[in-house]
All heavy atoms as atom14 arrays in JSON, in Angstrom:
{
  "sequence": "NWDDKFWNTSNVVSQGNRAFIEAQTMKTNFSTCTFMQTQMSINGTAL",
  "atom14_mask": [
    [1, 1, 1, 1, 1, 1, 1, 1, 0, 0, 0, 0, 0, 0],
    [1, 1, 1, 1, 1, 1, 1, 1, 1, 1, 1, 1, 1, 1],
    [1, 1, 1, 1, 1, 1, 1, 1, 0, 0, 0, 0, 0, 0],
    [1, 1, 1, 1, 1, 1, 1, 1, 0, 0, 0, 0, 0, 0],
    [1, 1, 1, 1, 1, 1, 1, 1, 1, 0, 0, 0, 0, 0],
    [1, 1, 1, 1, 1, 1, 1, 1, 1, 1, 1, 0, 0, 0],
    [1, 1, 1, 1, 1, 1, 1, 1, 1, 1, 1, 1, 1, 1],
    [1, 1, 1, 1, 1, 1, 1, 1, 0, 0, 0, 0, 0, 0],
    [1, 1, 1, 1, 1, 1, 1, 0, 0, 0, 0, 0, 0, 0],
    [1, 1, 1, 1, 1, 1, 0, 0, 0, 0, 0, 0, 0, 0],
    [1, 1, 1, 1, 1, 1, 1, 1, 0, 0, 0, 0, 0, 0],
    [1, 1, 1, 1, 1, 1, 1, 0, 0, 0, 0, 0, 0, 0],
    [1, 1, 1, 1, 1, 1, 1, 0, 0, 0, 0, 0, 0, 0],
    [1, 1, 1, 1, 1, 1, 0, 0, 0, 0, 0, 0, 0, 0],
    [1, 1, 1, 1, 1, 1, 1, 1, 1, 0, 0, 0, 0, 0],
    [1, 1, 1, 1, 0, 0, 0, 0, 0, 0, 0, 0, 0, 0],
    [1, 1, 1, 1, 1, 1, 1, 1, 0, 0, 0, 0, 0, 0],
    [1, 1, 1, 1, 1, 1, 1, 1, 1, 1, 1, 0, 0, 0],
    [1, 1, 1, 1, 1, 0, 0, 0, 0, 0, 0, 0, 0, 0],
    [1, 1, 1, 1, 1, 1, 1, 1, 1, 1, 1, 0, 0, 0],
    [1, 1, 1, 1, 1, 1, 1, 1, 0, 0, 0, 0, 0, 0],
    [1, 1, 1, 1, 1, 1, 1, 1, 1, 0, 0, 0, 0, 0],
    [1, 1, 1, 1, 1, 0, 0, 0, 0, 0, 0, 0, 0, 0],
    [1, 1, 1, 1, 1, 1, 1, 1, 1, 0, 0, 0, 0, 0],
    [1, 1, 1, 1, 1, 1, 1, 0, 0, 0, 0, 0, 0, 0],
    [1, 1, 1, 1, 1, 1, 1, 1, 0, 0, 0, 0, 0, 0],
    [1, 1, 1, 1, 1, 1, 1, 1, 1, 0, 0, 0, 0, 0],
    [1, 1, 1, 1, 1, 1, 1, 0, 0, 0, 0, 0, 0, 0],
    [1, 1, 1, 1, 1, 1, 1, 1, 0, 0, 0, 0, 0, 0],
    [1, 1, 1, 1, 1, 1, 1, 1, 1, 1, 1, 0, 0, 0],
    [1, 1, 1, 1, 1, 1, 0, 0, 0, 0, 0, 0, 0, 0],
    [1, 1, 1, 1, 1, 1, 1, 0, 0, 0, 0, 0, 0, 0],
    [1, 1, 1, 1, 1, 1, 0, 0, 0, 0, 0, 0, 0, 0],
    [1, 1, 1, 1, 1, 1, 1, 0, 0, 0, 0, 0, 0, 0],
    [1, 1, 1, 1, 1, 1, 1, 1, 1, 1, 1, 0, 0, 0],
    [1, 1, 1, 1, 1, 1, 1, 1, 0, 0, 0, 0, 0, 0],
    [1, 1, 1, 1, 1, 1, 1, 1, 1, 0, 0, 0, 0, 0],
    [1, 1, 1, 1, 1, 1, 1, 0, 0, 0, 0, 0, 0, 0],
    [1, 1, 1, 1, 1, 1, 1, 1, 1, 0, 0, 0, 0, 0],
    [1, 1, 1, 1, 1, 1, 1, 1, 0, 0, 0, 0, 0, 0],
    [1, 1, 1, 1, 1, 1, 0, 0, 0, 0, 0, 0, 0, 0],
    [1, 1, 1, 1, 1, 1, 1, 1, 0, 0, 0, 0, 0, 0],
    [1, 1, 1, 1, 1, 1, 1, 1, 0, 0, 0, 0, 0, 0],
    [1, 1, 1, 1, 0, 0, 0, 0, 0, 0, 0, 0, 0, 0],
    [1, 1, 1, 1, 1, 1, 1, 0, 0, 0, 0, 0, 0, 0],
    [1, 1, 1, 1, 1, 0, 0, 0, 0, 0, 0, 0, 0, 0],
    [1, 1, 1, 1, 1, 1, 1, 1, 0, 0, 0, 0, 0, 0]
  ],
  "atom14_positions": [
    [[91.81, 84.51, 114.61], [91.14, 83.24, 114.84], [90.31, 82.78, 113.63], [89.76, 81.72, 113.64], [90.19, 83.36, 116.05], [90.95, 83.57, 117.34], [92.04, 83.02, 117.53], [90.39, 84.37, 118.23], [0.0, 0.0, 0.0], [0.0, 0.0, 0.0], [0.0, 0.0, 0.0], [0.0, 0.0, 0.0], [0.0, 0.0, 0.0], [0.0, 0.0, 0.0]],
    [[90.29, 83.61, 112.6], [89.43, 83.32, 111.47], [90.22, 83.04, 110.19], [89.7, 82.91, 109.11], [88.51, 84.51, 111.24], [87.66, 84.77, 112.44], [86.54, 84.13, 112.87], [87.93, 85.79, 113.41], [86.07, 84.68, 114.05], [86.9, 85.71, 114.41], [88.9, 86.77, 113.56], [86.87, 86.54, 115.52], [88.85, 87.61, 114.68], [87.83, 87.5, 115.63]],
    [[91.56, 82.95, 110.3], [92.41, 82.66, 109.14], [92.14, 83.64, 108.01], [91.94, 83.28, 106.85], [92.14, 81.24, 108.66], [93.34, 80.62, 107.95], [94.46, 81.12, 108.17], [93.13, 79.7, 107.14], [0.0, 0.0, 0.0], [0.0, 0.0, 0.0], [0.0, 0.0, 0.0], [0.0, 0.0, 0.0], [0.0, 0.0, 0.0], [0.0, 0.0, 0.0]],
    [[92.1, 84.93, 108.36], [91.71, 85.96, 107.43], [92.74, 86.14, 106.31], [93.95, 86.03, 106.54], [91.57, 87.32, 108.14], [90.39, 87.33, 109.1], [89.51, 86.49, 108.94], [90.41, 88.2, 109.98], [0.0, 0.0, 0.0], [0.0, 0.0, 0.0], [0.0, 0.0, 0.0], [0.0, 0.0, 0.0], [0.0, 0.0, 0.0], [0.0, 0.0, 0.0]],
    [[92.26, 86.48, 105.14], [93.12, 86.98, 104.09], [93.66, 88.33, 104.5], [92.96, 89.13, 105.11], [92.38, 87.08, 102.75], [92.06, 85.78, 102.08], [91.28, 86.03, 100.82], [92.01, 86.94, 99.86], [91.24, 87.19, 98.62], [0.0, 0.0, 0.0], [0.0, 0.0, 0.0], [0.0, 0.0, 0.0], [0.0, 0.0, 0.0], [0.0, 0.0, 0.0]],
    [[94.93, 88.61, 104.12], [95.52, 89.9, 104.49], [95.52, 90.86, 103.33], [95.52, 92.07, 103.51], [96.92, 89.65, 105.0], [97.46, 90.71, 105.9], [97.14, 90.73, 107.26], [98.26, 91.73, 105.39], [97.61, 91.72, 108.09], [98.75, 92.74, 106.24], [98.42, 92.73, 107.61], [0.0, 0.0, 0.0], [0.0, 0.0, 0.0], [0.0, 0.0, 0.0]],
    [[95.58, 90.33, 102.11], [95.76, 91.16, 100.91], [94.63, 90.96, 99.92], [94.15, 89.86, 99.7], [97.07, 90.83, 100.2], [98.27, 91.16, 101.05], [98.94, 90.29, 101.88], [98.93, 92.42, 101.15], [99.99, 90.97, 102.48], [100.01, 92.28, 102.05], [98.71, 93.67, 100.54], [100.86, 93.31, 102.36], [99.59, 94.71, 100.87], [100.62, 94.51, 101.78]],
    [[94.27, 92.05, 99.25], [93.38, 92.04, 98.1], [94.28, 92.2, 96.87], [94.81, 93.28, 96.61], [92.36, 93.16, 98.17], [91.47, 93.23, 96.94], [91.14, 92.19, 96.36], [91.09, 94.43, 96.53], [0.0, 0.0, 0.0], [0.0, 0.0, 0.0], [0.0, 0.0, 0.0], [0.0, 0.0, 0.0], [0.0, 0.0, 0.0], [0.0, 0.0, 0.0]],
    [[94.45, 91.12, 96.11], [95.35, 91.16, 94.93], [94.58, 91.73, 93.75], [93.53, 91.21, 93.34], [95.86, 89.75, 94.61], [96.52, 89.24, 95.76], [96.79, 89.79, 93.43], [0.0, 0.0, 0.0], [0.0, 0.0, 0.0], [0.0, 0.0, 0.0], [0.0, 0.0, 0.0], [0.0, 0.0, 0.0], [0.0, 0.0, 0.0], [0.0, 0.0, 0.0]],
    [[95.13, 92.79, 93.17], [94.45, 93.5, 92.07], [95.06, 93.29, 90.69], [94.38, 93.49, 89.7], [94.39, 95.0, 92.37], [95.7, 95.51, 92.54], [0.0, 0.0, 0.0], [0.0, 0.0, 0.0], [0.0, 0.0, 0.0], [0.0, 0.0, 0.0], [0.0, 0.0, 0.0], [0.0, 0.0, 0.0], [0.0, 0.0, 0.0], [0.0, 0.0, 0.0]],
    [[96.33, 92.85, 90.65], [97.0, 92.75, 89.35], [98.18, 91.78, 89.42], [99.02, 91.87, 90.33], [97.51, 94.11, 88.91], [97.97, 94.15, 87.46], [97.56, 93.29, 86.64], [98.84, 95.08, 87.13], [0.0, 0.0, 0.0], [0.0, 0.0, 0.0], [0.0, 0.0, 0.0], [0.0, 0.0, 0.0], [0.0, 0.0, 0.0], [0.0, 0.0, 0.0]],
    [[98.21, 90.8, 88.51], [99.3, 89.85, 88.4], [99.78, 89.91, 86.96], [99.02, 89.66, 86.03], [98.9, 88.41, 88.74], [100.02, 87.45, 88.58], [98.31, 88.35, 90.17], [0.0, 0.0, 0.0], [0.0, 0.0, 0.0], [0.0, 0.0, 0.0], [0.0, 0.0, 0.0], [0.0, 0.0, 0.0], [0.0, 0.0, 0.0], [0.0, 0.0, 0.0]],
    [[101.07, 90.26, 86.77], [101.55, 90.48, 85.42], [102.99, 90.05, 85.29], [103.78, 90.06, 86.27], [101.44, 91.99, 85.02], [102.3, 92.87, 85.92], [101.76, 92.22, 83.57], [0.0, 0.0, 0.0], [0.0, 0.0, 0.0], [0.0, 0.0, 0.0], [0.0, 0.0, 0.0], [0.0, 0.0, 0.0], [0.0, 0.0, 0.0], [0.0, 0.0, 0.0]],
    [[103.38, 89.57, 84.1], [104.81, 89.23, 83.81], [105.23, 89.97, 82.55], [104.46, 90.23, 81.66], [104.94, 87.73, 83.63], [104.23, 87.25, 82.5], [0.0, 0.0, 0.0], [0.0, 0.0, 0.0], [0.0, 0.0, 0.0], [0.0, 0.0, 0.0], [0.0, 0.0, 0.0], [0.0, 0.0, 0.0], [0.0, 0.0, 0.0], [0.0, 0.0, 0.0]],
    [[106.52, 90.25, 82.52], [107.17, 90.94, 81.39], [108.52, 90.29, 81.16], [109.5, 90.66, 81.81], [107.33, 92.43, 81.67], [106.04, 93.18, 81.98], [106.29, 94.62, 82.45], [107.42, 95.04, 82.62], [105.2, 95.34, 82.68], [0.0, 0.0, 0.0], [0.0, 0.0, 0.0], [0.0, 0.0, 0.0], [0.0, 0.0, 0.0], [0.0, 0.0, 0.0]],
    [[108.59, 89.28, 80.27], [109.85, 88.62, 80.0], [110.35, 87.89, 81.22], [109.68, 86.93, 81.7], [0.0, 0.0, 0.0], [0.0, 0.0, 0.0], [0.0, 0.0, 0.0], [0.0, 0.0, 0.0], [0.0, 0.0, 0.0], [0.0, 0.0, 0.0], [0.0, 0.0, 0.0], [0.0, 0.0, 0.0], [0.0, 0.0, 0.0], [0.0, 0.0, 0.0]],
    [[111.5, 88.26, 81.77], [112.03, 87.62, 82.96], [111.7, 88.4, 84.23], [112.35, 88.23, 85.27], [113.55, 87.42, 82.86], [114.31, 88.74, 82.82], [113.75, 89.8, 82.49], [115.58, 88.72, 83.15], [0.0, 0.0, 0.0], [0.0, 0.0, 0.0], [0.0, 0.0, 0.0], [0.0, 0.0, 0.0], [0.0, 0.0, 0.0], [0.0, 0.0, 0.0]],
    [[110.69, 89.21, 84.17], [110.21, 89.97, 85.33], [108.72, 89.68, 85.59], [107.98, 89.36, 84.67], [110.41, 91.49, 85.08], [111.86, 91.89, 84.95], [111.98, 93.38, 84.73], [113.4, 93.77, 84.64], [113.85, 95.03, 84.49], [112.97, 96.03, 84.42], [115.14, 95.28, 84.42], [0.0, 0.0, 0.0], [0.0, 0.0, 0.0], [0.0, 0.0, 0.0]],
    [[108.34, 89.83, 86.84], [106.93, 89.64, 87.21], [106.58, 90.58, 88.36], [107.45, 90.97, 89.16], [106.66, 88.19, 87.59], [0.0, 0.0, 0.0], [0.0, 0.0, 0.0], [0.0, 0.0, 0.0], [0.0, 0.0, 0.0], [0.0, 0.0, 0.0], [0.0, 0.0, 0.0], [0.0, 0.0, 0.0], [0.0, 0.0, 0.0], [0.0, 0.0, 0.0]],
    [[105.28, 90.9, 88.46], [104.81, 91.86, 89.41], [103.43, 91.46, 89.95], [102.61, 90.95, 89.19], [104.68, 93.25, 88.79], [105.88, 93.7, 88.02], [106.06, 93.33, 86.69], [106.9, 94.43, 88.6], [107.16, 93.73, 85.95], [108.01, 94.84, 87.89], [108.16, 94.48, 86.56], [0.0, 0.0, 0.0], [0.0, 0.0, 0.0], [0.0, 0.0, 0.0]],
    [[103.22, 91.67, 91.24], [101.89, 91.5, 91.84], [101.56, 92.81, 92.58], [102.3, 93.23, 93.48], [101.82, 90.32, 92.8], [101.96, 88.98, 92.04], [100.5, 90.35, 93.56], [101.89, 87.78, 92.93], [0.0, 0.0, 0.0], [0.0, 0.0, 0.0], [0.0, 0.0, 0.0], [0.0, 0.0, 0.0], [0.0, 0.0, 0.0], [0.0, 0.0, 0.0]],
    [[100.45, 93.42, 92.19], [99.94, 94.58, 92.92], [98.83, 94.12, 93.86], [97.95, 93.36, 93.49], [99.41, 95.65, 91.96], [100.51, 96.25, 91.1], [99.97, 97.37, 90.21], [99.28, 97.03, 89.23], [100.25, 98.54, 90.48], [0.0, 0.0, 0.0], [0.0, 0.0, 0.0], [0.0, 0.0, 0.0], [0.0, 0.0, 0.0], [0.0, 0.0, 0.0]],
    [[98.93, 94.59, 95.11], [97.95, 94.14, 96.13], [97.77, 95.28, 97.15], [98.63, 96.13, 97.32], [98.43, 92.89, 96.82], [0.0, 0.0, 0.0], [0.0, 0.0, 0.0], [0.0, 0.0, 0.0], [0.0, 0.0, 0.0], [0.0, 0.0, 0.0], [0.0, 0.0, 0.0], [0.0, 0.0, 0.0], [0.0, 0.0, 0.0], [0.0, 0.0, 0.0]],
    [[96.59, 95.23, 97.82], [96.26, 96.22, 98.84], [95.86, 95.5, 100.12], [95.22, 94.46, 100.06], [95.13, 97.15, 98.36], [95.44, 97.93, 97.11], [95.29, 97.09, 95.85], [94.39, 96.28, 95.75], [96.17, 97.28, 94.88], [0.0, 0.0, 0.0], [0.0, 0.0, 0.0], [0.0, 0.0, 0.0], [0.0, 0.0, 0.0], [0.0, 0.0, 0.0]],
    [[96.21, 96.09, 101.25], [95.73, 95.52, 102.52], [94.2, 95.63, 102.6], [93.62, 96.59, 102.1], [96.37, 96.23, 103.73], [96.2, 97.63, 103.56], [97.84, 95.92, 103.84], [0.0, 0.0, 0.0], [0.0, 0.0, 0.0], [0.0, 0.0, 0.0], [0.0, 0.0, 0.0], [0.0, 0.0, 0.0], [0.0, 0.0, 0.0], [0.0, 0.0, 0.0]],
    [[93.59, 94.66, 103.23], [92.12, 94.53, 103.19], [91.41, 95.71, 103.85], [90.39, 96.17, 103.37], [91.69, 93.24, 103.87], [92.22, 91.97, 103.18], [91.57, 91.73, 101.52], [89.84, 91.35, 101.92], [0.0, 0.0, 0.0], [0.0, 0.0, 0.0], [0.0, 0.0, 0.0], [0.0, 0.0, 0.0], [0.0, 0.0, 0.0], [0.0, 0.0, 0.0]],
    [[91.96, 96.24, 104.92], [91.23, 97.27, 105.65], [91.74, 98.67, 105.41], [90.94, 99.62, 105.31], [91.25, 96.95, 107.14], [90.54, 95.64, 107.53], [90.59, 95.39, 109.02], [89.84, 94.09, 109.35], [89.86, 93.81, 110.8], [0.0, 0.0, 0.0], [0.0, 0.0, 0.0], [0.0, 0.0, 0.0], [0.0, 0.0, 0.0], [0.0, 0.0, 0.0]],
    [[93.05, 98.82, 105.3], [93.62, 100.19, 105.17], [93.9, 100.59, 103.75], [94.26, 101.72, 103.5], [94.9, 100.29, 105.99], [95.87, 99.34, 105.48], [94.65, 99.96, 107.48], [0.0, 0.0, 0.0], [0.0, 0.0, 0.0], [0.0, 0.0, 0.0], [0.0, 0.0, 0.0], [0.0, 0.0, 0.0], [0.0, 0.0, 0.0], [0.0, 0.0, 0.0]],
    [[93.83, 99.64, 102.8], [94.07, 99.9, 101.39], [95.49, 100.4, 101.14], [95.74, 101.15, 100.18], [93.06, 100.9, 100.83], [92.86, 100.74, 99.33], [92.86, 99.6, 98.85], [92.66, 101.83, 98.62], [0.0, 0.0, 0.0], [0.0, 0.0, 0.0], [0.0, 0.0, 0.0], [0.0, 0.0, 0.0], [0.0, 0.0, 0.0], [0.0, 0.0, 0.0]],
    [[96.45, 99.96, 101.94], [97.86, 100.24, 101.73], [98.29, 99.43, 100.51], [98.09, 98.21, 100.46], [98.66, 99.85, 102.94], [100.16, 100.02, 102.8], [100.73, 101.25, 102.81], [100.94, 98.86, 102.66], [102.11, 101.39, 102.7], [102.32, 99.01, 102.54], [102.93, 100.25, 102.56], [0.0, 0.0, 0.0], [0.0, 0.0, 0.0], [0.0, 0.0, 0.0]],
    [[98.89, 100.09, 99.51], [99.18, 99.43, 98.22], [100.64, 99.06, 98.1], [101.53, 99.82, 98.51], [98.79, 100.34, 97.06], [97.4, 100.58, 97.06], [0.0, 0.0, 0.0], [0.0, 0.0, 0.0], [0.0, 0.0, 0.0], [0.0, 0.0, 0.0], [0.0, 0.0, 0.0], [0.0, 0.0, 0.0], [0.0, 0.0, 0.0], [0.0, 0.0, 0.0]],
    [[100.86, 97.88, 97.51], [102.24, 97.41, 97.27], [102.36, 96.81, 95.87], [101.35, 96.34, 95.3], [102.63, 96.3, 98.27], [101.83, 95.16, 98.02], [102.51, 96.76, 99.71], [0.0, 0.0, 0.0], [0.0, 0.0, 0.0], [0.0, 0.0, 0.0], [0.0, 0.0, 0.0], [0.0, 0.0, 0.0], [0.0, 0.0, 0.0], [0.0, 0.0, 0.0]],
    [[103.54, 96.86, 95.35], [103.89, 96.05, 94.18], [105.06, 95.17, 94.6], [106.13, 95.63, 94.94], [104.32, 96.93, 93.03], [104.95, 96.0, 91.59], [0.0, 0.0, 0.0], [0.0, 0.0, 0.0], [0.0, 0.0, 0.0], [0.0, 0.0, 0.0], [0.0, 0.0, 0.0], [0.0, 0.0, 0.0], [0.0, 0.0, 0.0], [0.0, 0.0, 0.0]],
    [[104.8, 93.84, 94.61], [105.85, 92.85, 94.87], [106.45, 92.48, 93.52], [105.69, 92.15, 92.59], [105.27, 91.63, 95.59], [104.55, 92.04, 96.75], [106.36, 90.67, 95.99], [0.0, 0.0, 0.0], [0.0, 0.0, 0.0], [0.0, 0.0, 0.0], [0.0, 0.0, 0.0], [0.0, 0.0, 0.0], [0.0, 0.0, 0.0], [0.0, 0.0, 0.0]],
    [[107.78, 92.48, 93.4], [108.38, 92.29, 92.08], [109.55, 91.34, 92.13], [110.12, 91.06, 93.18], [108.83, 93.63, 91.5], [109.85, 94.37, 92.34], [111.22, 94.11, 92.22], [109.44, 95.34, 93.24], [112.15, 94.79, 92.98], [110.38, 96.05, 94.01], [111.71, 95.75, 93.86], [0.0, 0.0, 0.0], [0.0, 0.0, 0.0], [0.0, 0.0, 0.0]],
    [[109.88, 90.79, 90.94], [111.06, 89.94, 90.84], [111.58, 89.98, 89.4], [110.88, 90.3, 88.44], [110.74, 88.48, 91.21], [109.88, 87.72, 90.23], [109.76, 85.97, 90.64], [108.65, 85.37, 89.35], [0.0, 0.0, 0.0], [0.0, 0.0, 0.0], [0.0, 0.0, 0.0], [0.0, 0.0, 0.0], [0.0, 0.0, 0.0], [0.0, 0.0, 0.0]],
    [[112.87, 89.66, 89.3], [113.54, 89.41, 88.03], [114.47, 88.24, 88.18], [115.07, 88.08, 89.23], [114.34, 90.64, 87.57], [115.18, 90.41, 86.31], [116.0, 91.6, 85.93], [115.46, 92.68, 85.74], [117.32, 91.43, 85.86], [0.0, 0.0, 0.0], [0.0, 0.0, 0.0], [0.0, 0.0, 0.0], [0.0, 0.0, 0.0], [0.0, 0.0, 0.0]],
    [[114.51, 87.37, 87.15], [115.35, 86.2, 87.24], [116.37, 86.16, 86.13], [116.12, 86.61, 85.02], [114.48, 84.91, 87.18], [113.7, 84.94, 85.97], [113.54, 84.85, 88.35], [0.0, 0.0, 0.0], [0.0, 0.0, 0.0], [0.0, 0.0, 0.0], [0.0, 0.0, 0.0], [0.0, 0.0, 0.0], [0.0, 0.0, 0.0], [0.0, 0.0, 0.0]],
    [[117.55, 85.6, 86.44], [118.62, 85.41, 85.49], [119.24, 84.03, 85.72], [119.38, 83.62, 86.84], [119.67, 86.54, 85.63], [119.17, 87.9, 85.36], [120.21, 89.0, 85.64], [121.28, 88.72, 86.19], [119.9, 90.22, 85.29], [0.0, 0.0, 0.0], [0.0, 0.0, 0.0], [0.0, 0.0, 0.0], [0.0, 0.0, 0.0], [0.0, 0.0, 0.0]],
    [[119.65, 83.38, 84.63], [120.25, 82.06, 84.71], [121.68, 82.09, 84.13], [121.96, 82.87, 83.21], [119.44, 81.01, 83.92], [118.0, 80.85, 84.33], [117.78, 80.3, 86.04], [118.81, 78.86, 86.08], [0.0, 0.0, 0.0], [0.0, 0.0, 0.0], [0.0, 0.0, 0.0], [0.0, 0.0, 0.0], [0.0, 0.0, 0.0], [0.0, 0.0, 0.0]],
    [[122.53, 81.23, 84.69], [123.89, 81.09, 84.14], [124.4, 79.68, 84.38], [123.9, 78.97, 85.26], [124.87, 82.1, 84.79], [125.05, 81.81, 86.16], [0.0, 0.0, 0.0], [0.0, 0.0, 0.0], [0.0, 0.0, 0.0], [0.0, 0.0, 0.0], [0.0, 0.0, 0.0], [0.0, 0.0, 0.0], [0.0, 0.0, 0.0], [0.0, 0.0, 0.0]],
    [[125.33, 79.23, 83.56], [126.02, 77.98, 83.74], [127.5, 78.25, 83.77], [128.05, 78.86, 82.85], [125.7, 76.97, 82.62], [124.23, 76.54, 82.66], [126.57, 75.73, 82.73], [123.87, 75.48, 81.63], [0.0, 0.0, 0.0], [0.0, 0.0, 0.0], [0.0, 0.0, 0.0], [0.0, 0.0, 0.0], [0.0, 0.0, 0.0], [0.0, 0.0, 0.0]],
    [[128.15, 77.82, 84.84], [129.59, 78.01, 85.02], [130.01, 79.45, 84.81], [131.08, 79.75, 84.23], [130.36, 77.07, 84.05], [130.02, 75.62, 84.26], [129.83, 75.16, 85.38], [129.92, 74.87, 83.18], [0.0, 0.0, 0.0], [0.0, 0.0, 0.0], [0.0, 0.0, 0.0], [0.0, 0.0, 0.0], [0.0, 0.0, 0.0], [0.0, 0.0, 0.0]],
    [[129.2, 80.37, 85.28], [129.49, 81.78, 85.22], [129.13, 82.47, 83.94], [129.29, 83.71, 83.83], [0.0, 0.0, 0.0], [0.0, 0.0, 0.0], [0.0, 0.0, 0.0], [0.0, 0.0, 0.0], [0.0, 0.0, 0.0], [0.0, 0.0, 0.0], [0.0, 0.0, 0.0], [0.0, 0.0, 0.0], [0.0, 0.0, 0.0], [0.0, 0.0, 0.0]],
    [[128.6, 81.73, 82.96], [128.22, 82.35, 81.66], [126.71, 82.55, 81.64], [125.93, 81.59, 81.82], [128.63, 81.44, 80.49], [130.05, 81.27, 80.52], [128.2, 82.07, 79.16], [0.0, 0.0, 0.0], [0.0, 0.0, 0.0], [0.0, 0.0, 0.0], [0.0, 0.0, 0.0], [0.0, 0.0, 0.0], [0.0, 0.0, 0.0], [0.0, 0.0, 0.0]],
    [[126.3, 83.79, 81.44], [124.87, 84.11, 81.45], [124.16, 83.44, 80.29], [124.71, 83.34, 79.17], [124.67, 85.62, 81.4], [0.0, 0.0, 0.0], [0.0, 0.0, 0.0], [0.0, 0.0, 0.0], [0.0, 0.0, 0.0], [0.0, 0.0, 0.0], [0.0, 0.0, 0.0], [0.0, 0.0, 0.0], [0.0, 0.0, 0.0], [0.0, 0.0, 0.0]],
    [[122.96, 82.97, 80.55], [122.13, 82.35, 79.52], [120.97, 83.28, 79.13], [120.48, 84.03, 79.95], [121.56, 81.04, 80.04], [122.56, 79.97, 80.48], [121.83, 78.77, 81.07], [123.46, 79.55, 79.35], [0.0, 0.0, 0.0], [0.0, 0.0, 0.0], [0.0, 0.0, 0.0], [0.0, 0.0, 0.0], [0.0, 0.0, 0.0], [0.0, 0.0, 0.0]]
  ]
}
């Protein structure tokens, strides 16, 4: 009922075409790293 935040974000970082967010749950301190990598192509040819 209080629109609580769920995560405490501790680190936001990018490395080239990759990025990462480290965060912990507010009460239990369960830690995660959410990650991604991106790639582009045109007509099947990688850019």
